[in-house]
C-alpha atoms as a PDB file:
ATOM      1  CA  MET A   1      97.667  89.968 101.724  1.00  0.00           C
ATOM      2  CA  SER A   2      97.277  86.395 100.823  1.00  0.00           C
ATOM      3  CA  PHE A   3      98.033  84.089 103.853  1.00  0.00           C
ATOM      4  CA  GLY A   4     100.314  82.089 101.653  1.00  0.00           C
ATOM      5  CA  ARG A   5     102.548  85.199 100.559  1.00  0.00           C
ATOM      6  CA  ALA A   6     102.781  86.171 104.372  1.00  0.00           C
ATOM      7  CA  ALA A   7     103.851  82.540 105.283  1.00  0.00           C
ATOM      8  CA  MET A   8     106.549  82.734 102.438  1.00  0.00           C
ATOM      9  CA  ARG A   9     107.803  86.155 103.690  1.00  0.00           C
ATOM     10  CA  TYR A  10     108.306  84.822 107.195  1.00  0.00           C
ATOM     11  CA  TYR A  11     109.759  81.441 106.025  1.00  0.00           C
ATOM     12  CA  PRO A  12     111.344  81.782 102.622  1.00  0.00           C
ATOM     13  CA  ASP A  13     113.545  78.752 102.906  1.00  0.00           C
ATOM     14  CA  LEU A  14     110.646  76.472 103.160  1.00  0.00           C
ATOM     15  CA  GLY A  15     108.527  75.483 100.298  1.00  0.00           C
ATOM     16  CA  TYR A  16     104.941  76.958  99.908  1.00  0.00           C
ATOM     17  CA  GLN A  17     102.973  74.340 101.633  1.00  0.00           C
ATOM     18  CA  ALA A  18     105.499  73.833 104.425  1.00  0.00           C
ATOM     19  CA  ALA A  19     105.677  77.651 105.168  1.00  0.00           C
ATOM     20  CA  VAL A  20     101.817  77.899 105.158  1.00  0.00           C
ATOM     21  CA  ARG A  21     101.781  75.157 107.701  1.00  0.00           C
ATOM     22  CA  ARG A  22     104.578  76.511 109.823  1.00  0.00           C
ATOM     23  CA  PHE A  23     102.975  79.974 109.842  1.00  0.00           C
ATOM     24  CA  ARG A  24      99.694  78.560 110.762  1.00  0.00           C
ATOM     25  CA  ARG A  25     101.530  76.646 113.882  1.00  0.00           C
ATOM     26  CA  GLU A  26     103.154  79.840 114.936  1.00  0.00           C
ATOM     27  CA  ILE A  27     100.004  81.517 115.127  1.00  0.00           C
ATOM     28  CA  ARG A  28      98.440  78.988 116.979  1.00  0.00           C
ATOM     29  CA  GLU A  29     101.347  78.497 119.425  1.00  0.00           C
ATOM     30  CA  THR A  30     102.251  82.245 120.109  1.00  0.00           C
ATOM     31  CA  ILE A  31     100.551  82.888 123.431  1.00  0.00           C
ATOM     32  CA  GLY A  32      97.884  85.670 122.999  1.00  0.00           C
ATOM     33  CA  LEU A  33      98.498  85.994 119.031  1.00  0.00           C
ATOM     34  CA  LEU A  34      95.351  83.705 118.005  1.00  0.00           C
ATOM     35  CA  ASP A  35      92.847  85.276 120.676  1.00  0.00           C
ATOM     36  CA  ALA A  36      94.203  88.873 119.275  1.00  0.00           C
ATOM     37  CA  LEU A  37      93.761  87.776 115.860  1.00  0.00           C
ATOM     38  CA  LYS A  38      90.286  86.393 116.586  1.00  0.00           C
ATOM     39  CA  ALA A  39      89.317  89.637 118.404  1.00  0.00           C
ATOM     40  CA  LEU A  40      89.963  91.210 114.691  1.00  0.00           C
ATOM     41  CA  GLY A  41      87.694  88.804 113.067  1.00  0.00           C
ATOM     42  CA  TYR A  42      90.331  86.360 112.111  1.00  0.00           C
ATOM     43  CA  GLU A  43      89.307  82.620 111.440  1.00  0.00           C
ATOM     44  CA  GLU A  44      91.856  80.103 111.083  1.00  0.00           C
ATOM     45  CA  HIS A  45      91.446  79.135 107.547  1.00  0.00           C
ATOM     46  CA  HIS A  46      91.152  82.629 106.129  1.00  0.00           C
ATOM     47  CA  ARG A  47      93.164  82.923 102.894  1.00  0.00           C
ATOM     48  CA  TYR A  48      93.728  86.651 103.277  1.00  0.00           C
ATOM     49  CA  LEU A  49      95.053  88.852 105.987  1.00  0.00           C
ATOM     50  CA  THR A  50      93.897  92.424 106.517  1.00  0.00           C
ATOM     51  CA  PRO A  51      96.584  95.017 107.203  1.00  0.00           C
ATOM     52  CA  GLN A  52      95.553  95.115 110.906  1.00  0.00           C
ATOM     53  CA  GLU A  53      96.043  91.515 111.071  1.00  0.00           C
ATOM     54  CA  MET A  54      99.523  91.638 109.464  1.00  0.00           C
ATOM     55  CA  SER A  55     100.478  94.279 111.799  1.00  0.00           C
ATOM     56  CA  LEU A  56      99.272  92.447 114.853  1.00  0.00           C
ATOM     57  CA  ILE A  57     101.255  89.363 113.653  1.00  0.00           C
ATOM     58  CA  ALA A  58     104.278  91.532 113.221  1.00  0.00           C
ATOM     59  CA  ASN A  59     103.839  92.753 116.665  1.00  0.00           C
ATOM     60  CA  PHE A  60     104.211  89.253 118.115  1.00  0.00           C
ATOM     61  CA  LEU A  61     106.297  87.565 115.620  1.00  0.00           C
ATOM     62  CA  GLY A  62     108.547  90.716 114.477  1.00  0.00           C
ATOM     63  CA  ASP A  63     108.752  91.763 111.012  1.00  0.00           C
ATOM     64  CA  PRO A  64     109.553  89.215 108.317  1.00  0.00           C
ATOM     65  CA  ASP A  65     113.016  89.174 107.027  1.00  0.00           C
END
């Protein structure tokens, strides 16, 4: 899934760029999430998230509304 699409699922009330910025910040600031994502091969400026990465994010942040 594209990073932007995932961000919009988590923050549908924000504009696209604001949602992406907030999603990136949330990933950085949620304790343990960024390290767990990096263990899967994630790099901070990837444009796409794998199903494994999305599952991990959902485990930390909950399912998007």
